[in-house]
PDB file of N, CA and C in Angstrom:
ATOM      1  N   MET A   1     -83.549-110.982 142.675  1.00  0.00           N
ATOM      2  CA  MET A   1     -82.650-110.205 141.759  1.00  0.00           C
ATOM      3  C   MET A   1     -81.783-109.152 142.888  1.00  0.00           C
ATOM      4  N   ASP A   2     -80.608-109.239 143.085  1.00  0.00           N
ATOM      5  CA  ASP A   2     -79.737-108.236 143.763  1.00  0.00           C
ATOM      6  C   ASP A   2     -79.775-106.934 143.115  1.00  0.00           C
ATOM      7  N   GLN A   3     -79.145-105.957 143.914  1.00  0.00           N
ATOM      8  CA  GLN A   3     -79.157-104.480 143.603  1.00  0.00           C
ATOM      9  C   GLN A   3     -78.464-104.289 142.037  1.00  0.00           C
ATOM     10  N   LYS A   4     -77.170-105.054 142.108  1.00  0.00           N
ATOM     11  CA  LYS A   4     -76.284-104.905 140.860  1.00  0.00           C
ATOM     12  C   LYS A   4     -76.871-105.637 139.784  1.00  0.00           C
ATOM     13  N   GLN A   5     -77.848-106.514 139.838  1.00  0.00           N
ATOM     14  CA  GLN A   5     -78.293-107.002 138.485  1.00  0.00           C
ATOM     15  C   GLN A   5     -79.643-105.956 137.962  1.00  0.00           C
ATOM     16  N   ASN A   6     -79.959-105.078 138.894  1.00  0.00           N
ATOM     17  CA  ASN A   6     -80.946-104.258 138.265  1.00  0.00           C
ATOM     18  C   ASN A   6     -80.489-103.212 137.415  1.00  0.00           C
ATOM     19  N   ILE A   7     -79.119-103.090 137.239  1.00  0.00           N
ATOM     20  CA  ILE A   7     -78.484-102.126 136.442  1.00  0.00           C
ATOM     21  C   ILE A   7     -77.983-102.945 135.205  1.00  0.00           C
ATOM     22  N   LEU A   8     -78.559-102.653 133.919  1.00  0.00           N
ATOM     23  CA  LEU A   8     -78.067-103.054 132.796  1.00  0.00           C
ATOM     24  C   LEU A   8     -77.499-102.080 131.891  1.00  0.00           C
ATOM     25  N   PRO A   9     -76.064-102.460 131.562  1.00  0.00           N
ATOM     26  CA  PRO A   9     -75.264-101.522 130.762  1.00  0.00           C
ATOM     27  C   PRO A   9     -75.635-101.805 129.317  1.00  0.00           C
ATOM     28  N   LEU A  10     -75.463-100.868 128.488  1.00  0.00           N
ATOM     29  CA  LEU A  10     -75.848-100.867 127.161  1.00  0.00           C
ATOM     30  C   LEU A  10     -75.097 -99.736 126.293  1.00  0.00           C
ATOM     31  N   ILE A  11     -74.146-100.053 125.615  1.00  0.00           N
ATOM     32  CA  ILE A  11     -73.425 -99.071 124.627  1.00  0.00           C
ATOM     33  C   ILE A  11     -73.828 -99.105 123.141  1.00  0.00           C
ATOM     34  N   ILE A  12     -74.314 -97.994 123.075  1.00  0.00           N
ATOM     35  CA  ILE A  12     -74.795 -97.853 121.419  1.00  0.00           C
ATOM     36  C   ILE A  12     -74.032 -96.946 120.587  1.00  0.00           C
ATOM     37  N   ASN A  13     -73.025 -97.422 120.029  1.00  0.00           N
ATOM     38  CA  ASN A  13     -72.241 -96.849 119.141  1.00  0.00           C
ATOM     39  C   ASN A  13     -72.477 -96.319 117.870  1.00  0.00           C
ATOM     40  N   ASN A  14     -73.574 -96.729 117.362  1.00  0.00           N
ATOM     41  CA  ASN A  14     -73.964 -96.304 115.771  1.00  0.00           C
ATOM     42  C   ASN A  14     -75.690 -96.507 115.828  1.00  0.00           C
ATOM     43  N   LYS A  15     -76.029 -95.702 114.596  1.00  0.00           N
ATOM     44  CA  LYS A  15     -77.371 -95.729 114.375  1.00  0.00           C
ATOM     45  C   LYS A  15     -77.913 -97.132 113.927  1.00  0.00           C
ATOM     46  N   THR A  16     -76.954 -98.232 113.404  1.00  0.00           N
ATOM     47  CA  THR A  16     -77.492 -99.487 113.272  1.00  0.00           C
ATOM     48  C   THR A  16     -77.801-100.017 114.196  1.00  0.00           C
ATOM     49  N   PHE A  17     -76.929-100.098 115.113  1.00  0.00           N
ATOM     50  CA  PHE A  17     -77.204-100.873 116.591  1.00  0.00           C
ATOM     51  C   PHE A  17     -78.387-100.478 117.274  1.00  0.00           C
ATOM     52  N   LEU A  18     -78.797 -98.968 117.186  1.00  0.00           N
ATOM     53  CA  LEU A  18     -79.836 -98.493 118.122  1.00  0.00           C
ATOM     54  C   LEU A  18     -80.949 -98.971 117.232  1.00  0.00           C
ATOM     55  N   HIS A  19     -80.985 -98.968 115.998  1.00  0.00           N
ATOM     56  CA  HIS A  19     -82.183 -99.456 115.299  1.00  0.00           C
ATOM     57  C   HIS A  19     -82.618-100.915 115.530  1.00  0.00           C
ATOM     58  N   THR A  20     -81.486-101.609 115.510  1.00  0.00           N
ATOM     59  CA  THR A  20     -81.733-103.242 116.060  1.00  0.00           C
ATOM     60  C   THR A  20     -82.110-103.516 117.288  1.00  0.00           C
ATOM     61  N   ALA A  21     -81.706-102.520 118.296  1.00  0.00           N
ATOM     62  CA  ALA A  21     -82.063-102.603 119.714  1.00  0.00           C
ATOM     63  C   ALA A  21     -83.466-102.049 120.047  1.00  0.00           C
ATOM     64  N   TYR A  22     -83.931-100.934 119.243  1.00  0.00           N
ATOM     65  CA  TYR A  22     -84.894-100.233 119.607  1.00  0.00           C
ATOM     66  C   TYR A  22     -86.291-101.263 119.451  1.00  0.00           C
ATOM     67  N   MET A  23     -87.281-100.936 120.333  1.00  0.00           N
ATOM     68  CA  MET A  23     -88.553-101.709 120.407  1.00  0.00           C
ATOM     69  C   MET A  23     -89.644-100.799 120.279  1.00  0.00           C
ATOM     70  N   PRO A  24     -89.925-100.153 119.253  1.00  0.00           N
ATOM     71  CA  PRO A  24     -90.975 -99.128 119.075  1.00  0.00           C
ATOM     72  C   PRO A  24     -92.395 -99.740 119.393  1.00  0.00           C
ATOM     73  N   PHE A  25     -92.589-101.022 119.074  1.00  0.00           N
ATOM     74  CA  PHE A  25     -93.911-101.438 119.170  1.00  0.00           C
ATOM     75  C   PHE A  25     -94.218-101.387 120.805  1.00  0.00           C
ATOM     76  N   LEU A  26     -93.409-101.102 121.707  1.00  0.00           N
ATOM     77  CA  LEU A  26     -93.774-101.187 123.013  1.00  0.00           C
ATOM     78  C   LEU A  26     -94.287 -99.725 123.405  1.00  0.00           C
ATOM     79  N   LYS A  27     -95.407 -99.781 124.108  1.00  0.00           N
ATOM     80  CA  LYS A  27     -96.033 -98.541 124.520  1.00  0.00           C
ATOM     81  C   LYS A  27     -95.030 -97.436 125.469  1.00  0.00           C
ATOM     82  N   GLY A  28     -94.487 -96.460 124.943  1.00  0.00           N
ATOM     83  CA  GLY A  28     -93.600 -95.664 125.454  1.00  0.00           C
ATOM     84  C   GLY A  28     -92.212 -95.924 125.056  1.00  0.00           C
ATOM     85  N   GLY A  29     -92.080 -97.150 124.254  1.00  0.00           N
ATOM     86  CA  GLY A  29     -90.898 -97.250 123.633  1.00  0.00           C
ATOM     87  C   GLY A  29     -89.929 -98.157 124.582  1.00  0.00           C
ATOM     88  N   GLY A  30     -88.926 -98.865 123.930  1.00  0.00           N
ATOM     89  CA  GLY A  30     -88.095 -99.747 124.815  1.00  0.00           C
ATOM     90  C   GLY A  30     -86.939-100.165 124.246  1.00  0.00           C
ATOM     91  N   LEU A  31     -86.009-100.822 125.032  1.00  0.00           N
ATOM     92  CA  LEU A  31     -84.703-101.172 123.981  1.00  0.00           C
ATOM     93  C   LEU A  31     -84.622-102.824 124.584  1.00  0.00           C
ATOM     94  N   PHE A  32     -83.860-103.469 123.599  1.00  0.00           N
ATOM     95  CA  PHE A  32     -83.380-104.994 123.890  1.00  0.00           C
ATOM     96  C   PHE A  32     -82.029-104.743 124.468  1.00  0.00           C
ATOM     97  N   VAL A  33     -81.853-105.571 125.605  1.00  0.00           N
ATOM     98  CA  VAL A  33     -80.380-105.479 126.517  1.00  0.00           C
ATOM     99  C   VAL A  33     -79.838-106.800 126.381  1.00  0.00           C
ATOM    100  N   PRO A  34     -78.830-107.044 125.626  1.00  0.00           N
ATOM    101  CA  PRO A  34     -78.211-108.233 125.743  1.00  0.00           C
ATOM    102  C   PRO A  34     -77.591-108.713 127.148  1.00  0.00           C
ATOM    103  N   THR A  35     -78.064-109.534 127.677  1.00  0.00           N
ATOM    104  CA  THR A  35     -77.435-109.912 129.222  1.00  0.00           C
ATOM    105  C   THR A  35     -77.587-111.544 129.253  1.00  0.00           C
ATOM    106  N   ASP A  36     -76.732-112.064 130.051  1.00  0.00           N
ATOM    107  CA  ASP A  36     -76.563-113.511 130.540  1.00  0.00           C
ATOM    108  C   ASP A  36     -77.435-113.547 131.872  1.00  0.00           C
ATOM    109  N   ASN A  37     -77.826-112.585 132.528  1.00  0.00           N
ATOM    110  CA  ASN A  37     -78.313-112.514 133.835  1.00  0.00           C
ATOM    111  C   ASN A  37     -79.809-113.086 133.776  1.00  0.00           C
ATOM    112  N   ASP A  38     -80.412-113.903 134.627  1.00  0.00           N
ATOM    113  CA  ASP A  38     -82.003-113.971 134.512  1.00  0.00           C
ATOM    114  C   ASP A  38     -82.607-113.007 135.140  1.00  0.00           C
ATOM    115  N   TYR A  39     -83.963-112.794 134.463  1.00  0.00           N
ATOM    116  CA  TYR A  39     -84.731-111.667 134.836  1.00  0.00           C
ATOM    117  C   TYR A  39     -86.385-112.353 134.758  1.00  0.00           C
ATOM    118  N   HIS A  40     -87.111-111.717 135.273  1.00  0.00           N
ATOM    119  CA  HIS A  40     -88.566-112.177 135.211  1.00  0.00           C
ATOM    120  C   HIS A  40     -89.461-110.840 134.658  1.00  0.00           C
ATOM    121  N   PHE A  41     -90.494-111.195 134.103  1.00  0.00           N
ATOM    122  CA  PHE A  41     -91.414-110.387 133.260  1.00  0.00           C
ATOM    123  C   PHE A  41     -91.800-109.468 134.700  1.00  0.00           C
ATOM    124  N   GLY A  42     -91.610-107.903 134.455  1.00  0.00           N
ATOM    125  CA  GLY A  42     -92.231-106.911 135.512  1.00  0.00           C
ATOM    126  C   GLY A  42     -90.935-106.665 136.392  1.00  0.00           C
ATOM    127  N   ASP A  43     -89.777-107.136 136.141  1.00  0.00           N
ATOM    128  CA  ASP A  43     -88.690-106.895 137.265  1.00  0.00           C
ATOM    129  C   ASP A  43     -88.149-105.464 136.634  1.00  0.00           C
ATOM    130  N   GLU A  44     -88.218-104.577 137.762  1.00  0.00           N
ATOM    131  CA  GLU A  44     -87.823-103.258 137.559  1.00  0.00           C
ATOM    132  C   GLU A  44     -86.110-103.124 137.071  1.00  0.00           C
ATOM    133  N   VAL A  45     -85.636-102.370 136.440  1.00  0.00           N
ATOM    134  CA  VAL A  45     -84.344-102.168 136.075  1.00  0.00           C
ATOM    135  C   VAL A  45     -84.154-100.876 135.520  1.00  0.00           C
ATOM    136  N   ILE A  46     -82.628-100.568 135.479  1.00  0.00           N
ATOM    137  CA  ILE A  46     -82.326 -99.284 135.149  1.00  0.00           C
ATOM    138  C   ILE A  46     -81.317 -99.542 133.902  1.00  0.00           C
ATOM    139  N   VAL A  47     -81.619 -99.245 132.736  1.00  0.00           N
ATOM    140  CA  VAL A  47     -80.692 -99.364 131.648  1.00  0.00           C
ATOM    141  C   VAL A  47     -79.647 -98.091 131.579  1.00  0.00           C
ATOM    142  N   VAL A  48     -78.495 -98.357 131.610  1.00  0.00           N
ATOM    143  CA  VAL A  48     -77.369 -97.494 131.858  1.00  0.00           C
ATOM    144  C   VAL A  48     -76.656 -97.268 130.492  1.00  0.00           C
ATOM    145  N   THR A  49     -77.087 -96.165 129.404  1.00  0.00           N
ATOM    146  CA  THR A  49     -76.706 -96.596 128.176  1.00  0.00           C
ATOM    147  C   THR A  49     -75.845 -95.241 127.744  1.00  0.00           C
ATOM    148  N   SER A  50     -75.030 -95.444 126.781  1.00  0.00           N
ATOM    149  CA  SER A  50     -74.094 -94.223 126.202  1.00  0.00           C
ATOM    150  C   SER A  50     -74.483 -94.426 124.693  1.00  0.00           C
ATOM    151  N   ILE A  51     -75.446 -93.487 124.355  1.00  0.00           N
ATOM    152  CA  ILE A  51     -75.824 -93.264 122.937  1.00  0.00           C
ATOM    153  C   ILE A  51     -74.806 -92.363 122.369  1.00  0.00           C
ATOM    154  N   ALA A  52     -73.994 -92.627 121.380  1.00  0.00           N
ATOM    155  CA  ALA A  52     -73.180 -91.861 120.735  1.00  0.00           C
ATOM    156  C   ALA A  52     -73.660 -90.555 120.243  1.00  0.00           C
ATOM    157  N   TYR A  53     -74.841 -90.368 119.878  1.00  0.00           N
ATOM    158  CA  TYR A  53     -75.544 -89.260 119.453  1.00  0.00           C
ATOM    159  C   TYR A  53     -76.104 -88.310 120.227  1.00  0.00           C
ATOM    160  N   LEU A  54     -76.015 -88.719 121.677  1.00  0.00           N
ATOM    161  CA  LEU A  54     -76.460 -87.838 122.617  1.00  0.00           C
ATOM    162  C   LEU A  54     -75.346 -87.211 123.454  1.00  0.00           C
ATOM    163  N   GLY A  55     -74.389 -87.935 123.241  1.00  0.00           N
ATOM    164  CA  GLY A  55     -73.039 -87.307 123.844  1.00  0.00           C
ATOM    165  C   GLY A  55     -73.001 -87.548 125.347  1.00  0.00           C
ATOM    166  N   LYS A  56     -73.800 -88.277 126.109  1.00  0.00           N
ATOM    167  CA  LYS A  56     -73.571 -88.537 127.428  1.00  0.00           C
ATOM    168  C   LYS A  56     -74.404 -89.670 127.784  1.00  0.00           C
ATOM    169  N   LYS A  57     -73.980 -90.057 128.978  1.00  0.00           N
ATOM    170  CA  LYS A  57     -74.593 -91.494 129.441  1.00  0.00           C
ATOM    171  C   LYS A  57     -75.858 -91.103 130.128  1.00  0.00           C
ATOM    172  N   ILE A  58     -76.853 -91.997 129.970  1.00  0.00           N
ATOM    173  CA  ILE A  58     -78.184 -91.681 130.541  1.00  0.00           C
ATOM    174  C   ILE A  58     -78.554 -92.875 131.320  1.00  0.00           C
ATOM    175  N   ALA A  59     -79.513 -93.035 132.375  1.00  0.00           N
ATOM    176  CA  ALA A  59     -79.961 -93.795 132.946  1.00  0.00           C
ATOM    177  C   ALA A  59     -81.634 -94.012 132.724  1.00  0.00           C
ATOM    178  N   ILE A  60     -81.903 -95.172 132.174  1.00  0.00           N
ATOM    179  CA  ILE A  60     -83.415 -95.256 131.691  1.00  0.00           C
ATOM    180  C   ILE A  60     -83.946 -96.060 132.564  1.00  0.00           C
ATOM    181  N   PRO A  61     -85.021 -95.784 133.370  1.00  0.00           N
ATOM    182  CA  PRO A  61     -85.747 -96.832 134.339  1.00  0.00           C
ATOM    183  C   PRO A  61     -86.888 -97.323 133.426  1.00  0.00           C
ATOM    184  N   GLY A  62     -86.905 -98.738 133.765  1.00  0.00           N
ATOM    185  CA  GLY A  62     -87.769 -99.463 132.812  1.00  0.00           C
ATOM    186  C   GLY A  62     -88.242-100.709 133.623  1.00  0.00           C
ATOM    187  N   LYS A  63     -88.983-101.664 132.986  1.00  0.00           N
ATOM    188  CA  LYS A  63     -89.406-102.903 133.565  1.00  0.00           C
ATOM    189  C   LYS A  63     -89.397-104.084 132.219  1.00  0.00           C
ATOM    190  N   VAL A  64     -88.763-105.045 132.724  1.00  0.00           N
ATOM    191  CA  VAL A  64     -88.647-106.345 131.775  1.00  0.00           C
ATOM    192  C   VAL A  64     -89.961-106.761 131.260  1.00  0.00           C
ATOM    193  N   VAL A  65     -90.165-106.475 129.985  1.00  0.00           N
ATOM    194  CA  VAL A  65     -91.356-107.052 129.195  1.00  0.00           C
ATOM    195  C   VAL A  65     -91.184-108.051 127.995  1.00  0.00           C
ATOM    196  N   TRP A  66     -89.905-108.250 127.886  1.00  0.00           N
ATOM    197  CA  TRP A  66     -89.524-109.214 127.024  1.00  0.00           C
ATOM    198  C   TRP A  66     -88.319-110.137 127.271  1.00  0.00           C
ATOM    199  N   ILE A  67     -88.345-111.343 127.120  1.00  0.00           N
ATOM    200  CA  ILE A  67     -87.135-112.128 127.619  1.00  0.00           C
ATOM    201  C   ILE A  67     -86.825-113.002 126.408  1.00  0.00           C
ATOM    202  N   ALA A  68     -85.460-113.039 125.906  1.00  0.00           N
ATOM    203  CA  ALA A  68     -85.141-114.065 124.972  1.00  0.00           C
ATOM    204  C   ALA A  68     -84.031-114.795 125.564  1.00  0.00           C
ATOM    205  N   ALA A  69     -84.539-115.929 125.819  1.00  0.00           N
ATOM    206  CA  ALA A  69     -83.836-117.106 126.320  1.00  0.00           C
ATOM    207  C   ALA A  69     -82.490-117.643 125.605  1.00  0.00           C
ATOM    208  N   LYS A  70     -81.518-118.159 126.244  1.00  0.00           N
ATOM    209  CA  LYS A  70     -80.420-118.704 125.667  1.00  0.00           C
ATOM    210  C   LYS A  70     -80.658-119.837 124.568  1.00  0.00           C
ATOM    211  N   SER A  71     -81.683-120.544 124.739  1.00  0.00           N
ATOM    212  CA  SER A  71     -82.099-121.625 123.674  1.00  0.00           C
ATOM    213  C   SER A  71     -82.532-121.316 122.272  1.00  0.00           C
ATOM    214  N   ARG A  72     -83.107-120.123 122.218  1.00  0.00           N
ATOM    215  CA  ARG A  72     -83.481-119.480 120.964  1.00  0.00           C
ATOM    216  C   ARG A  72     -82.455-119.432 119.778  1.00  0.00           C
ATOM    217  N   ALA A  73     -82.706-120.373 118.774  1.00  0.00           N
ATOM    218  CA  ALA A  73     -81.970-120.188 117.747  1.00  0.00           C
ATOM    219  C   ALA A  73     -81.618-118.803 116.907  1.00  0.00           C
ATOM    220  N   ASN A  74     -80.461-118.489 116.438  1.00  0.00           N
ATOM    221  CA  ASN A  74     -80.318-117.330 115.810  1.00  0.00           C
ATOM    222  C   ASN A  74     -80.763-116.011 116.538  1.00  0.00           C
ATOM    223  N   SER A  75     -80.770-116.040 117.881  1.00  0.00           N
ATOM    224  CA  SER A  75     -81.057-114.861 118.758  1.00  0.00           C
ATOM    225  C   SER A  75     -79.998-114.500 119.758  1.00  0.00           C
ATOM    226  N   GLN A  76     -80.100-113.458 120.390  1.00  0.00           N
ATOM    227  CA  GLN A  76     -79.086-113.075 121.638  1.00  0.00           C
ATOM    228  C   GLN A  76     -79.908-113.283 122.757  1.00  0.00           C
ATOM    229  N   GLN A  77     -79.227-113.718 123.887  1.00  0.00           N
ATOM    230  CA  GLN A  77     -79.991-113.825 125.177  1.00  0.00           C
ATOM    231  C   GLN A  77     -80.181-112.305 125.538  1.00  0.00           C
ATOM    232  N   GLY A  78     -81.239-111.991 126.169  1.00  0.00           N
ATOM    233  CA  GLY A  78     -81.313-110.627 126.712  1.00  0.00           C
ATOM    234  C   GLY A  78     -82.885-110.373 127.329  1.00  0.00           C
ATOM    235  N   VAL A  79     -83.075-109.221 127.398  1.00  0.00           N
ATOM    236  CA  VAL A  79     -84.449-108.731 127.968  1.00  0.00           C
ATOM    237  C   VAL A  79     -84.751-107.463 127.189  1.00  0.00           C
ATOM    238  N   GLY A  80     -86.050-107.299 126.934  1.00  0.00           N
ATOM    239  CA  GLY A  80     -86.698-106.095 126.259  1.00  0.00           C
ATOM    240  C   GLY A  80     -87.179-105.095 127.417  1.00  0.00           C
ATOM    241  N   VAL A  81     -86.735-103.923 127.686  1.00  0.00           N
ATOM    242  CA  VAL A  81     -86.778-103.266 128.840  1.00  0.00           C
ATOM    243  C   VAL A  81     -87.787-102.043 128.166  1.00  0.00           C
ATOM    244  N   GLN A  82     -89.206-101.895 128.707  1.00  0.00           N
ATOM    245  CA  GLN A  82     -89.929-100.916 128.475  1.00  0.00           C
ATOM    246  C   GLN A  82     -89.820 -99.791 129.236  1.00  0.00           C
ATOM    247  N   PHE A  83     -89.667 -98.687 128.686  1.00  0.00           N
ATOM    248  CA  PHE A  83     -89.349 -97.283 129.314  1.00  0.00           C
ATOM    249  C   PHE A  83     -90.572 -97.009 130.279  1.00  0.00           C
ATOM    250  N   SER A  84     -89.947 -96.577 131.517  1.00  0.00           N
ATOM    251  CA  SER A  84     -91.098 -95.999 132.733  1.00  0.00           C
ATOM    252  C   SER A  84     -90.655 -94.779 133.166  1.00  0.00           C
ATOM    253  N   GLY A  85     -91.404 -94.438 134.064  1.00  0.00           N
ATOM    254  CA  GLY A  85     -90.925 -93.118 134.798  1.00  0.00           C
ATOM    255  C   GLY A  85     -91.113 -91.822 134.167  1.00  0.00           C
ATOM    256  N   PRO A  86     -90.981 -90.681 134.576  1.00  0.00           N
ATOM    257  CA  PRO A  86     -90.989 -89.380 134.182  1.00  0.00           C
ATOM    258  C   PRO A  86     -90.363 -88.969 132.838  1.00  0.00           C
ATOM    259  N   THR A  87     -89.168 -89.745 132.482  1.00  0.00           N
ATOM    260  CA  THR A  87     -88.467 -89.396 131.382  1.00  0.00           C
ATOM    261  C   THR A  87     -88.710 -90.259 130.084  1.00  0.00           C
ATOM    262  N   LYS A  88     -89.885 -91.104 130.195  1.00  0.00           N
ATOM    263  CA  LYS A  88     -89.996 -92.311 129.229  1.00  0.00           C
ATOM    264  C   LYS A  88     -90.341 -91.582 127.633  1.00  0.00           C
ATOM    265  N   MET A  89     -91.217 -90.432 127.798  1.00  0.00           N
ATOM    266  CA  MET A  89     -91.369 -89.970 126.502  1.00  0.00           C
ATOM    267  C   MET A  89     -90.381 -89.124 126.038  1.00  0.00           C
ATOM    268  N   LYS A  90     -89.625 -88.563 126.739  1.00  0.00           N
ATOM    269  CA  LYS A  90     -88.161 -87.689 126.433  1.00  0.00           C
ATOM    270  C   LYS A  90     -87.238 -88.767 125.711  1.00  0.00           C
ATOM    271  N   ILE A  91     -86.907 -89.695 126.400  1.00  0.00           N
ATOM    272  CA  ILE A  91     -86.220 -90.781 125.796  1.00  0.00           C
ATOM    273  C   ILE A  91     -86.516 -91.339 124.627  1.00  0.00           C
ATOM    274  N   LYS A  92     -87.910 -91.702 124.485  1.00  0.00           N
ATOM    275  CA  LYS A  92     -88.501 -92.238 123.367  1.00  0.00           C
ATOM    276  C   LYS A  92     -88.238 -91.378 122.178  1.00  0.00           C
ATOM    277  N   LEU A  93     -88.539 -89.858 122.331  1.00  0.00           N
ATOM    278  CA  LEU A  93     -88.405 -88.953 121.222  1.00  0.00           C
ATOM    279  C   LEU A  93     -87.047 -88.613 120.956  1.00  0.00           C
ATOM    280  N   ALA A  94     -86.029 -88.839 121.738  1.00  0.00           N
ATOM    281  CA  ALA A  94     -84.731 -88.566 121.406  1.00  0.00           C
ATOM    282  C   ALA A  94     -84.171 -89.770 120.569  1.00  0.00           C
ATOM    283  N   ILE A  95     -84.553 -91.064 120.920  1.00  0.00           N
ATOM    284  CA  ILE A  95     -84.064 -92.043 120.067  1.00  0.00           C
ATOM    285  C   ILE A  95     -84.805 -92.092 118.857  1.00  0.00           C
ATOM    286  N   GLU A  96     -86.056 -91.534 118.691  1.00  0.00           N
ATOM    287  CA  GLU A  96     -86.779 -91.511 117.276  1.00  0.00           C
ATOM    288  C   GLU A  96     -86.100 -90.236 116.545  1.00  0.00           C
ATOM    289  N   SER A  97     -85.733 -89.372 117.170  1.00  0.00           N
ATOM    290  CA  SER A  97     -85.110 -88.329 116.410  1.00  0.00           C
ATOM    291  C   SER A  97     -83.865 -88.606 115.699  1.00  0.00           C
ATOM    292  N   ILE A  98     -83.125 -89.490 116.463  1.00  0.00           N
ATOM    293  CA  ILE A  98     -81.831 -90.230 115.972  1.00  0.00           C
ATOM    294  C   ILE A  98     -82.034 -90.889 114.740  1.00  0.00           C
ATOM    295  N   LEU A  99     -83.078 -91.796 114.860  1.00  0.00           N
ATOM    296  CA  LEU A  99     -83.318 -92.811 114.028  1.00  0.00           C
ATOM    297  C   LEU A  99     -84.067 -92.082 112.912  1.00  0.00           C
ATOM    298  N   GLY A 100     -84.875 -91.095 112.771  1.00  0.00           N
ATOM    299  CA  GLY A 100     -85.580 -90.602 111.873  1.00  0.00           C
ATOM    300  C   GLY A 100     -86.592 -91.398 111.191  1.00  0.00           C
ATOM    301  N   ASP A 101     -86.613 -91.649 109.958  1.00  0.00           N
ATOM    302  CA  ASP A 101     -87.695 -92.588 109.402  1.00  0.00           C
ATOM    303  C   ASP A 101     -87.503 -93.981 109.683  1.00  0.00           C
ATOM    304  N   LEU A 102     -86.370 -94.477 110.156  1.00  0.00           N
ATOM    305  CA  LEU A 102     -85.969 -95.722 110.498  1.00  0.00           C
ATOM    306  C   LEU A 102     -86.858 -96.200 111.795  1.00  0.00           C
ATOM    307  N   ALA A 103     -86.986 -95.201 112.661  1.00  0.00           N
ATOM    308  CA  ALA A 103     -87.861 -95.541 113.782  1.00  0.00           C
ATOM    309  C   ALA A 103     -89.260 -96.101 113.394  1.00  0.00           C
ATOM    310  N   LYS A 104     -89.779 -95.865 112.259  1.00  0.00           N
ATOM    311  CA  LYS A 104     -90.913 -96.533 111.786  1.00  0.00           C
ATOM    312  C   LYS A 104     -90.927 -97.735 111.022  1.00  0.00           C
ATOM    313  N   LYS A 105     -89.663 -98.100 110.828  1.00  0.00           N
ATOM    314  CA  LYS A 105     -89.457 -99.188 109.824  1.00  0.00           C
ATOM    315  C   LYS A 105     -88.861-100.399 110.732  1.00  0.00           C
ATOM    316  N   PRO A 106     -89.245-101.682 110.693  1.00  0.00           N
ATOM    317  CA  PRO A 106     -88.455-102.696 111.258  1.00  0.00           C
ATOM    318  C   PRO A 106     -87.015-102.749 110.888  1.00  0.00           C
ATOM    319  N   ALA A 107     -86.366-103.335 111.775  1.00  0.00           N
ATOM    320  CA  ALA A 107     -84.815-103.263 111.271  1.00  0.00           C
ATOM    321  C   ALA A 107     -84.820-104.785 110.448  1.00  0.00           C
ATOM    322  N   LEU A 108     -83.888-104.882 109.498  1.00  0.00           N
ATOM    323  CA  LEU A 108     -83.744-106.099 108.744  1.00  0.00           C
ATOM    324  C   LEU A 108     -83.361-107.219 109.519  1.00  0.00           C
ATOM    325  N   SER A 109     -82.608-106.851 110.633  1.00  0.00           N
ATOM    326  CA  SER A 109     -82.073-107.847 111.647  1.00  0.00           C
ATOM    327  C   SER A 109     -82.456-107.079 112.853  1.00  0.00           C
ATOM    328  N   HIS A 110     -82.628-108.025 113.838  1.00  0.00           N
ATOM    329  CA  HIS A 110     -82.905-107.358 115.207  1.00  0.00           C
ATOM    330  C   HIS A 110     -82.443-108.202 116.340  1.00  0.00           C
ATOM    331  N   ASN A 111     -81.991-107.594 117.505  1.00  0.00           N
ATOM    332  CA  ASN A 111     -81.386-108.582 118.572  1.00  0.00           C
ATOM    333  C   ASN A 111     -82.355-109.314 119.535  1.00  0.00           C
ATOM    334  N   TYR A 112     -83.685-109.024 119.292  1.00  0.00           N
ATOM    335  CA  TYR A 112     -84.645-109.673 120.119  1.00  0.00           C
ATOM    336  C   TYR A 112     -85.526-110.739 119.256  1.00  0.00           C
TER     337      TYR A 112
END
């Protein structure tokens, strides 16, 4: 994987999209990021995201722990990234404060 591939952009414009992308069952939290690039379990990546409610871009270090291949019916190709590094709990808490009670409920539909 080249340096460019380890940066995954993700724009989160609303709470519904955040809810469908958030993966609370991952220890420390995580996000599903749609991508056509190929990744392997354990690849270290940085999710560069703009979450409308935070008002700024943030870079979230993580590792690939979920892979949704193109061949799956009714799903989007992409990867699940488990948060890592010293800011992982801060990011998890920020997302869960935005989602409120939704953070504890599975989304009716999800991206992964």
